[in-house]
Amino acid sequence: MTLLRVIVGILGNVTAIFLFGAPIITFTRVIRNKSTEEFSCIPYLISLLACVSYTWYSTPVISYGWENAPLFSIDGIGGLLELSFIIIYLRFAPVKEKIRIGAMFALLIVTSIVMILVSIFVFHDHPHRKILIGSVAIVGATSMYGSPLVAMKTVIRTKSVEFMPFYLSLFTFVASTLWAIYGLLDLDFFIATPNMIGSVLGIVQLVLYFKYKKKEGLNEGFVYWDRERMEAQT
């Protein structure tokens, strides 16, 4: 692993921490109000799938040695955060929602276990293991970055950026761009592809933000500094 790739990976870790940690504010509110209100848990399930996939992808079982150590560290941390958010959501969600999200969470766990076992016992070389785990990771990460599409549609329809916070859009762009570069430096398109998509979507979000931002500015209140609120607005 080249020094440049290590530096890009470290910078990617720093910016991704802000991206993964953004919902802490949301769940502080959930705990305080003892209610999930209209928040959706779907983005966290999708993000958890992406984190689990990339954490496993970056281990020596799939990658060559610890060539993707920076990816392992950030997605390991991200996975723990997403898991914590899901547990909190299940604790305070209505009964019907607990059953629905609980079933999806169980399916995600089973899928992850099967994915790991297949990569170990069915495939016995790095290239085939990378194809399996990398493909799942691409789907998860692309879906994660695609979550704000609903918010973008709302911005265009209402001509208001109230539900598309600037800093979340900014960190989406910066983090995904850095990880796209990280992947391209090693020609690892399983890492680069979803992050290039995320980078483009981040640019679109920023363009929309500055196009529709009111001249007097917006108060970036904590209520809107989250992913699931962005997805929920239709």
C-alpha atoms as a PDB file:
ATOM      1  CA  MET A   1       0.000   0.000   0.000  1.00  0.00           C
ATOM      2  CA  THR A   2       1.527   3.297  -1.117  1.00  0.00           C
ATOM      3  CA  LEU A   3       2.014   6.247   1.218  1.00  0.00           C
ATOM      4  CA  LEU A   4      -0.404   8.341  -0.851  1.00  0.00           C
ATOM      5  CA  ARG A   5      -3.105   5.679  -0.512  1.00  0.00           C
ATOM      6  CA  VAL A   6      -2.548   5.544   3.257  1.00  0.00           C
ATOM      7  CA  ILE A   7      -2.874   9.331   3.530  1.00  0.00           C
ATOM      8  CA  VAL A   8      -6.059   9.353   1.440  1.00  0.00           C
ATOM      9  CA  GLY A   9      -7.437   6.508   3.573  1.00  0.00           C
ATOM     10  CA  ILE A  10      -6.740   8.412   6.791  1.00  0.00           C
ATOM     11  CA  LEU A  11      -8.423  11.551   5.427  1.00  0.00           C
ATOM     12  CA  GLY A  12     -11.322   9.381   4.302  1.00  0.00           C
ATOM     13  CA  ASN A  13     -11.615   8.001   7.832  1.00  0.00           C
ATOM     14  CA  VAL A  14     -11.766  11.480   9.356  1.00  0.00           C
ATOM     15  CA  THR A  15     -14.515  12.730   7.044  1.00  0.00           C
ATOM     16  CA  ALA A  16     -16.475   9.466   7.157  1.00  0.00           C
ATOM     17  CA  ILE A  17     -16.595   9.683  10.966  1.00  0.00           C
ATOM     18  CA  PHE A  18     -18.667  12.854  10.607  1.00  0.00           C
ATOM     19  CA  LEU A  19     -20.902  11.138   8.061  1.00  0.00           C
ATOM     20  CA  PHE A  20     -21.481   8.014  10.168  1.00  0.00           C
ATOM     21  CA  GLY A  21     -21.757  10.010  13.387  1.00  0.00           C
ATOM     22  CA  ALA A  22     -24.318  12.540  12.141  1.00  0.00           C
ATOM     23  CA  PRO A  23     -27.353  10.525  13.390  1.00  0.00           C
ATOM     24  CA  ILE A  24     -26.083  10.682  16.990  1.00  0.00           C
ATOM     25  CA  ILE A  25     -27.990  13.960  17.267  1.00  0.00           C
ATOM     26  CA  THR A  26     -31.148  12.296  15.967  1.00  0.00           C
ATOM     27  CA  PHE A  27     -30.962   9.413  18.412  1.00  0.00           C
ATOM     28  CA  THR A  28     -30.256  11.734  21.312  1.00  0.00           C
ATOM     29  CA  ARG A  29     -33.660  13.189  20.484  1.00  0.00           C
ATOM     30  CA  VAL A  30     -35.234   9.713  20.152  1.00  0.00           C
ATOM     31  CA  ILE A  31     -33.942   8.719  23.597  1.00  0.00           C
ATOM     32  CA  ARG A  32     -35.020  12.014  25.145  1.00  0.00           C
ATOM     33  CA  ASN A  33     -38.534  11.824  23.675  1.00  0.00           C
ATOM     34  CA  LYS A  34     -38.767   8.030  24.021  1.00  0.00           C
ATOM     35  CA  SER A  35     -40.203   7.965  20.499  1.00  0.00           C
ATOM     36  CA  THR A  36     -38.941   7.345  16.965  1.00  0.00           C
ATOM     37  CA  GLU A  37     -41.574   9.798  15.674  1.00  0.00           C
ATOM     38  CA  GLU A  38     -41.593   9.670  11.842  1.00  0.00           C
ATOM     39  CA  PHE A  39     -37.951   8.657  11.527  1.00  0.00           C
ATOM     40  CA  SER A  40     -37.131   5.702   9.279  1.00  0.00           C
ATOM     41  CA  CYS A  41     -34.679   2.945  10.202  1.00  0.00           C
ATOM     42  CA  ILE A  42     -34.158   1.791   6.609  1.00  0.00           C
ATOM     43  CA  PRO A  43     -31.059   3.961   5.955  1.00  0.00           C
ATOM     44  CA  TYR A  44     -29.334   2.423   8.987  1.00  0.00           C
ATOM     45  CA  LEU A  45     -30.066  -1.129   7.862  1.00  0.00           C
ATOM     46  CA  ILE A  46     -28.661  -0.322   4.426  1.00  0.00           C
ATOM     47  CA  SER A  47     -25.617   1.381   5.929  1.00  0.00           C
ATOM     48  CA  LEU A  48     -25.029  -1.574   8.253  1.00  0.00           C
ATOM     49  CA  LEU A  49     -25.019  -3.957   5.279  1.00  0.00           C
ATOM     50  CA  ALA A  50     -22.460  -1.750   3.524  1.00  0.00           C
ATOM     51  CA  CYS A  51     -20.287  -1.515   6.645  1.00  0.00           C
ATOM     52  CA  VAL A  52     -20.372  -5.256   7.348  1.00  0.00           C
ATOM     53  CA  SER A  53     -19.539  -6.024   3.713  1.00  0.00           C
ATOM     54  CA  TYR A  54     -16.612  -3.612   3.534  1.00  0.00           C
ATOM     55  CA  THR A  55     -15.283  -4.573   6.965  1.00  0.00           C
ATOM     56  CA  TRP A  56     -15.153  -8.216   5.863  1.00  0.00           C
ATOM     57  CA  TYR A  57     -13.878  -7.202   2.419  1.00  0.00           C
ATOM     58  CA  SER A  58     -10.912  -5.396   3.980  1.00  0.00           C
ATOM     59  CA  THR A  59      -9.736  -8.373   6.081  1.00  0.00           C
ATOM     60  CA  PRO A  60      -6.881 -10.634   4.888  1.00  0.00           C
ATOM     61  CA  VAL A  61      -9.468 -13.326   4.130  1.00  0.00           C
ATOM     62  CA  ILE A  62     -10.724 -11.293   1.166  1.00  0.00           C
ATOM     63  CA  SER A  63      -8.044  -8.674   0.482  1.00  0.00           C
ATOM     64  CA  TYR A  64      -4.300  -9.296   0.255  1.00  0.00           C
ATOM     65  CA  GLY A  65      -2.971  -8.873   3.779  1.00  0.00           C
ATOM     66  CA  TRP A  66      -4.009  -5.610   5.380  1.00  0.00           C
ATOM     67  CA  GLU A  67      -3.877  -3.583   2.175  1.00  0.00           C
ATOM     68  CA  ASN A  68      -7.251  -2.075   3.095  1.00  0.00           C
ATOM     69  CA  ALA A  69      -6.618  -1.419   6.792  1.00  0.00           C
ATOM     70  CA  PRO A  70      -8.049   2.146   6.632  1.00  0.00           C
ATOM     71  CA  LEU A  71     -11.259   0.741   5.168  1.00  0.00           C
ATOM     72  CA  PHE A  72     -11.430  -1.896   7.906  1.00  0.00           C
ATOM     73  CA  SER A  73     -11.133   0.695  10.663  1.00  0.00           C
ATOM     74  CA  ILE A  74     -13.758   3.148   9.417  1.00  0.00           C
ATOM     75  CA  ASP A  75     -16.333   0.566   8.371  1.00  0.00           C
ATOM     76  CA  GLY A  76     -15.813  -1.316  11.621  1.00  0.00           C
ATOM     77  CA  ILE A  77     -16.561   1.874  13.547  1.00  0.00           C
ATOM     78  CA  GLY A  78     -19.402   2.725  11.182  1.00  0.00           C
ATOM     79  CA  GLY A  79     -20.909  -0.731  11.621  1.00  0.00           C
ATOM     80  CA  LEU A  80     -20.885  -0.403  15.410  1.00  0.00           C
ATOM     81  CA  LEU A  81     -22.559   3.007  15.167  1.00  0.00           C
ATOM     82  CA  GLU A  82     -25.231   1.753  12.758  1.00  0.00           C
ATOM     83  CA  LEU A  83     -25.867  -1.261  15.000  1.00  0.00           C
ATOM     84  CA  SER A  84     -26.266   1.052  17.998  1.00  0.00           C
ATOM     85  CA  PHE A  85     -28.730   3.254  16.098  1.00  0.00           C
ATOM     86  CA  ILE A  86     -30.807   0.229  15.062  1.00  0.00           C
ATOM     87  CA  ILE A  87     -30.931  -1.109  18.631  1.00  0.00           C
ATOM     88  CA  ILE A  88     -32.054   2.285  19.949  1.00  0.00           C
ATOM     89  CA  TYR A  89     -34.666   2.489  17.197  1.00  0.00           C
ATOM     90  CA  LEU A  90     -36.041  -0.947  18.086  1.00  0.00           C
ATOM     91  CA  ARG A  91     -36.161   0.043  21.749  1.00  0.00           C
ATOM     92  CA  PHE A  92     -38.424   3.059  21.157  1.00  0.00           C
ATOM     93  CA  ALA A  93     -40.341   2.134  17.981  1.00  0.00           C
ATOM     94  CA  PRO A  94     -44.064   1.190  18.034  1.00  0.00           C
ATOM     95  CA  VAL A  95     -44.805  -2.537  18.246  1.00  0.00           C
ATOM     96  CA  LYS A  96     -45.685  -2.972  14.558  1.00  0.00           C
ATOM     97  CA  GLU A  97     -42.573  -1.090  13.520  1.00  0.00           C
ATOM     98  CA  LYS A  98     -40.451  -3.184  15.886  1.00  0.00           C
ATOM     99  CA  ILE A  99     -41.724  -6.344  14.209  1.00  0.00           C
ATOM    100  CA  ARG A 100     -41.135  -4.978  10.708  1.00  0.00           C
ATOM    101  CA  ILE A 101     -37.655  -3.611  11.370  1.00  0.00           C
ATOM    102  CA  GLY A 102     -36.768  -6.574  13.575  1.00  0.00           C
ATOM    103  CA  ALA A 103     -37.569  -8.961  10.717  1.00  0.00           C
ATOM    104  CA  MET A 104     -35.468  -6.923   8.300  1.00  0.00           C
ATOM    105  CA  PHE A 105     -32.632  -6.768  10.829  1.00  0.00           C
ATOM    106  CA  ALA A 106     -32.757 -10.549  11.305  1.00  0.00           C
ATOM    107  CA  LEU A 107     -32.677 -11.039   7.528  1.00  0.00           C
ATOM    108  CA  LEU A 108     -29.661  -8.753   7.295  1.00  0.00           C
ATOM    109  CA  ILE A 109     -27.835 -10.741   9.980  1.00  0.00           C
ATOM    110  CA  VAL A 110     -28.598 -14.059   8.278  1.00  0.00           C
ATOM    111  CA  THR A 111     -27.526 -12.646   4.903  1.00  0.00           C
ATOM    112  CA  SER A 112     -24.255 -11.392   6.388  1.00  0.00           C
ATOM    113  CA  ILE A 113     -23.501 -14.746   8.025  1.00  0.00           C
ATOM    114  CA  VAL A 114     -24.260 -16.666   4.826  1.00  0.00           C
ATOM    115  CA  MET A 115     -22.123 -14.228   2.823  1.00  0.00           C
ATOM    116  CA  ILE A 116     -19.176 -14.710   5.173  1.00  0.00           C
ATOM    117  CA  LEU A 117     -19.494 -18.501   5.305  1.00  0.00           C
ATOM    118  CA  VAL A 118     -19.786 -18.810   1.519  1.00  0.00           C
ATOM    119  CA  SER A 119     -16.714 -16.629   1.019  1.00  0.00           C
ATOM    120  CA  ILE A 120     -14.733 -18.871   3.387  1.00  0.00           C
ATOM    121  CA  PHE A 121     -15.894 -22.370   2.501  1.00  0.00           C
ATOM    122  CA  VAL A 122     -17.065 -22.123  -1.115  1.00  0.00           C
ATOM    123  CA  PHE A 123     -14.440 -19.832  -2.617  1.00  0.00           C
ATOM    124  CA  HIS A 124     -10.796 -20.558  -1.894  1.00  0.00           C
ATOM    125  CA  ASP A 125      -8.967 -17.711  -3.612  1.00  0.00           C
ATOM    126  CA  HIS A 126      -8.890 -13.938  -3.215  1.00  0.00           C
ATOM    127  CA  PRO A 127     -10.214 -12.949  -6.677  1.00  0.00           C
ATOM    128  CA  HIS A 128     -13.462 -14.933  -6.354  1.00  0.00           C
ATOM    129  CA  ARG A 129     -13.944 -13.884  -2.740  1.00  0.00           C
ATOM    130  CA  LYS A 130     -13.478 -10.252  -3.757  1.00  0.00           C
ATOM    131  CA  ILE A 131     -16.098 -10.584  -6.480  1.00  0.00           C
ATOM    132  CA  LEU A 132     -18.666 -12.022  -4.038  1.00  0.00           C
ATOM    133  CA  ILE A 133     -18.132  -9.659  -1.112  1.00  0.00           C
ATOM    134  CA  GLY A 134     -17.305  -6.675  -3.307  1.00  0.00           C
ATOM    135  CA  SER A 135     -20.550  -7.081  -5.262  1.00  0.00           C
ATOM    136  CA  VAL A 136     -22.620  -7.105  -2.066  1.00  0.00           C
ATOM    137  CA  ALA A 137     -20.663  -4.101  -0.786  1.00  0.00           C
ATOM    138  CA  ILE A 138     -21.321  -2.161  -3.997  1.00  0.00           C
ATOM    139  CA  VAL A 139     -25.064  -2.746  -3.681  1.00  0.00           C
ATOM    140  CA  GLY A 140     -25.081  -1.697  -0.011  1.00  0.00           C
ATOM    141  CA  ALA A 141     -22.900   1.395  -0.452  1.00  0.00           C
ATOM    142  CA  THR A 142     -24.706   2.561  -3.597  1.00  0.00           C
ATOM    143  CA  SER A 143     -28.045   2.231  -1.796  1.00  0.00           C
ATOM    144  CA  MET A 144     -26.627   4.129   1.176  1.00  0.00           C
ATOM    145  CA  TYR A 145     -25.476   7.024  -0.993  1.00  0.00           C
ATOM    146  CA  GLY A 146     -28.761   6.905  -2.904  1.00  0.00           C
ATOM    147  CA  SER A 147     -30.867   7.530   0.217  1.00  0.00           C
ATOM    148  CA  PRO A 148     -30.847  11.348  -0.240  1.00  0.00           C
ATOM    149  CA  LEU A 149     -32.477  11.062  -3.688  1.00  0.00           C
ATOM    150  CA  VAL A 150     -35.888  11.491  -2.066  1.00  0.00           C
ATOM    151  CA  ALA A 151     -34.659  14.623  -0.311  1.00  0.00           C
ATOM    152  CA  MET A 152     -33.289  15.968  -3.596  1.00  0.00           C
ATOM    153  CA  LYS A 153     -36.679  15.414  -5.223  1.00  0.00           C
ATOM    154  CA  THR A 154     -38.298  17.302  -2.344  1.00  0.00           C
ATOM    155  CA  VAL A 155     -35.849  20.191  -2.731  1.00  0.00           C
ATOM    156  CA  ILE A 156     -36.647  20.511  -6.441  1.00  0.00           C
ATOM    157  CA  ARG A 157     -40.400  20.304  -5.821  1.00  0.00           C
ATOM    158  CA  THR A 158     -40.538  22.738  -2.908  1.00  0.00           C
ATOM    159  CA  LYS A 159     -37.574  24.901  -3.933  1.00  0.00           C
ATOM    160  CA  SER A 160     -36.450  24.683  -0.308  1.00  0.00           C
ATOM    161  CA  VAL A 161     -33.345  23.024   1.165  1.00  0.00           C
ATOM    162  CA  GLU A 162     -34.883  22.693   4.617  1.00  0.00           C
ATOM    163  CA  PHE A 163     -34.662  18.908   4.563  1.00  0.00           C
ATOM    164  CA  MET A 164     -31.273  18.622   2.853  1.00  0.00           C
ATOM    165  CA  PRO A 165     -28.691  19.928   5.350  1.00  0.00           C
ATOM    166  CA  PHE A 166     -25.546  21.485   3.932  1.00  0.00           C
ATOM    167  CA  TYR A 167     -22.994  19.749   6.138  1.00  0.00           C
ATOM    168  CA  LEU A 168     -24.396  16.280   5.540  1.00  0.00           C
ATOM    169  CA  SER A 169     -24.249  16.925   1.787  1.00  0.00           C
ATOM    170  CA  LEU A 170     -20.723  18.308   2.121  1.00  0.00           C
ATOM    171  CA  PHE A 171     -19.390  15.346   4.104  1.00  0.00           C
ATOM    172  CA  THR A 172     -21.111  12.942   1.711  1.00  0.00           C
ATOM    173  CA  PHE A 173     -19.237  14.564  -1.173  1.00  0.00           C
ATOM    174  CA  VAL A 174     -15.850  14.812   0.556  1.00  0.00           C
ATOM    175  CA  ALA A 175     -15.892  11.333   2.117  1.00  0.00           C
ATOM    176  CA  SER A 176     -17.100   9.563  -1.027  1.00  0.00           C
ATOM    177  CA  THR A 177     -14.591  11.453  -3.195  1.00  0.00           C
ATOM    178  CA  LEU A 178     -11.689  10.492  -0.937  1.00  0.00           C
ATOM    179  CA  TRP A 179     -12.736   6.833  -0.880  1.00  0.00           C
ATOM    180  CA  ALA A 180     -13.206   6.851  -4.652  1.00  0.00           C
ATOM    181  CA  ILE A 181      -9.623   8.102  -5.000  1.00  0.00           C
ATOM    182  CA  TYR A 182      -8.483   5.491  -2.459  1.00  0.00           C
ATOM    183  CA  GLY A 183     -10.041   2.736  -4.562  1.00  0.00           C
ATOM    184  CA  LEU A 184      -8.752   4.090  -7.879  1.00  0.00           C
ATOM    185  CA  LEU A 185      -5.176   4.311  -6.579  1.00  0.00           C
ATOM    186  CA  ASP A 186      -5.189   0.507  -6.345  1.00  0.00           C
ATOM    187  CA  LEU A 187      -7.615   0.008  -9.257  1.00  0.00           C
ATOM    188  CA  ASP A 188     -10.057  -1.543  -6.809  1.00  0.00           C
ATOM    189  CA  PHE A 189     -13.385  -0.830  -8.446  1.00  0.00           C
ATOM    190  CA  PHE A 190     -15.340  -2.591  -5.704  1.00  0.00           C
ATOM    191  CA  ILE A 191     -14.314   0.329  -3.502  1.00  0.00           C
ATOM    192  CA  ALA A 192     -14.173   3.060  -6.138  1.00  0.00           C
ATOM    193  CA  THR A 193     -17.471   2.455  -7.967  1.00  0.00           C
ATOM    194  CA  PRO A 194     -20.067   3.214  -5.237  1.00  0.00           C
ATOM    195  CA  ASN A 195     -17.969   6.091  -3.944  1.00  0.00           C
ATOM    196  CA  MET A 196     -17.766   7.663  -7.395  1.00  0.00           C
ATOM    197  CA  ILE A 197     -21.558   7.471  -7.484  1.00  0.00           C
ATOM    198  CA  GLY A 198     -21.671   8.988  -3.992  1.00  0.00           C
ATOM    199  CA  SER A 199     -19.328  11.771  -5.090  1.00  0.00           C
ATOM    200  CA  VAL A 200     -21.541  12.670  -8.060  1.00  0.00           C
ATOM    201  CA  LEU A 201     -24.663  12.631  -5.879  1.00  0.00           C
ATOM    202  CA  GLY A 202     -22.835  14.783  -3.336  1.00  0.00           C
ATOM    203  CA  ILE A 203     -22.050  17.346  -6.036  1.00  0.00           C
ATOM    204  CA  VAL A 204     -25.689  17.367  -7.163  1.00  0.00           C
ATOM    205  CA  GLN A 205     -26.837  17.896  -3.562  1.00  0.00           C
ATOM    206  CA  LEU A 206     -24.447  20.824  -3.116  1.00  0.00           C
ATOM    207  CA  VAL A 207     -25.531  22.385  -6.418  1.00  0.00           C
ATOM    208  CA  LEU A 208     -29.185  22.079  -5.396  1.00  0.00           C
ATOM    209  CA  TYR A 209     -28.396  23.495  -1.967  1.00  0.00           C
ATOM    210  CA  PHE A 210     -26.779  26.650  -3.320  1.00  0.00           C
ATOM    211  CA  LYS A 211     -29.417  27.004  -6.026  1.00  0.00           C
ATOM    212  CA  TYR A 212     -32.374  26.918  -3.656  1.00  0.00           C
ATOM    213  CA  LYS A 213     -30.849  28.269  -0.457  1.00  0.00           C
ATOM    214  CA  LYS A 214     -32.734  31.316   0.741  1.00  0.00           C
ATOM    215  CA  LYS A 215     -30.765  34.539   0.694  1.00  0.00           C
ATOM    216  CA  GLU A 216     -31.280  35.069   4.401  1.00  0.00           C
ATOM    217  CA  GLY A 217     -29.789  31.619   5.058  1.00  0.00           C
ATOM    218  CA  LEU A 218     -31.092  28.641   6.960  1.00  0.00           C
ATOM    219  CA  ASN A 219     -30.626  27.616  10.528  1.00  0.00           C
ATOM    220  CA  GLU A 220     -28.991  24.189  10.373  1.00  0.00           C
ATOM    221  CA  GLY A 221     -30.960  22.940  13.354  1.00  0.00           C
ATOM    222  CA  PHE A 222     -30.254  19.535  14.791  1.00  0.00           C
ATOM    223  CA  VAL A 223     -33.659  18.242  13.681  1.00  0.00           C
ATOM    224  CA  TYR A 224     -32.609  18.101  10.052  1.00  0.00           C
ATOM    225  CA  TRP A 225     -29.002  16.923  10.498  1.00  0.00           C
ATOM    226  CA  ASP A 226     -29.775  13.294   9.755  1.00  0.00           C
ATOM    227  CA  ARG A 227     -30.260  10.777   6.965  1.00  0.00           C
ATOM    228  CA  GLU A 228     -33.581   9.201   7.831  1.00  0.00           C
ATOM    229  CA  ARG A 229     -35.372  12.551   8.089  1.00  0.00           C
ATOM    230  CA  MET A 230     -34.100  13.343   4.593  1.00  0.00           C
ATOM    231  CA  GLU A 231     -35.458  10.033   3.303  1.00  0.00           C
ATOM    232  CA  ALA A 232     -38.785  10.407   5.098  1.00  0.00           C
ATOM    233  CA  GLN A 233     -39.711  13.732   3.511  1.00  0.00           C
ATOM    234  CA  THR A 234     -41.829  13.165   0.394  1.00  0.00           C
END
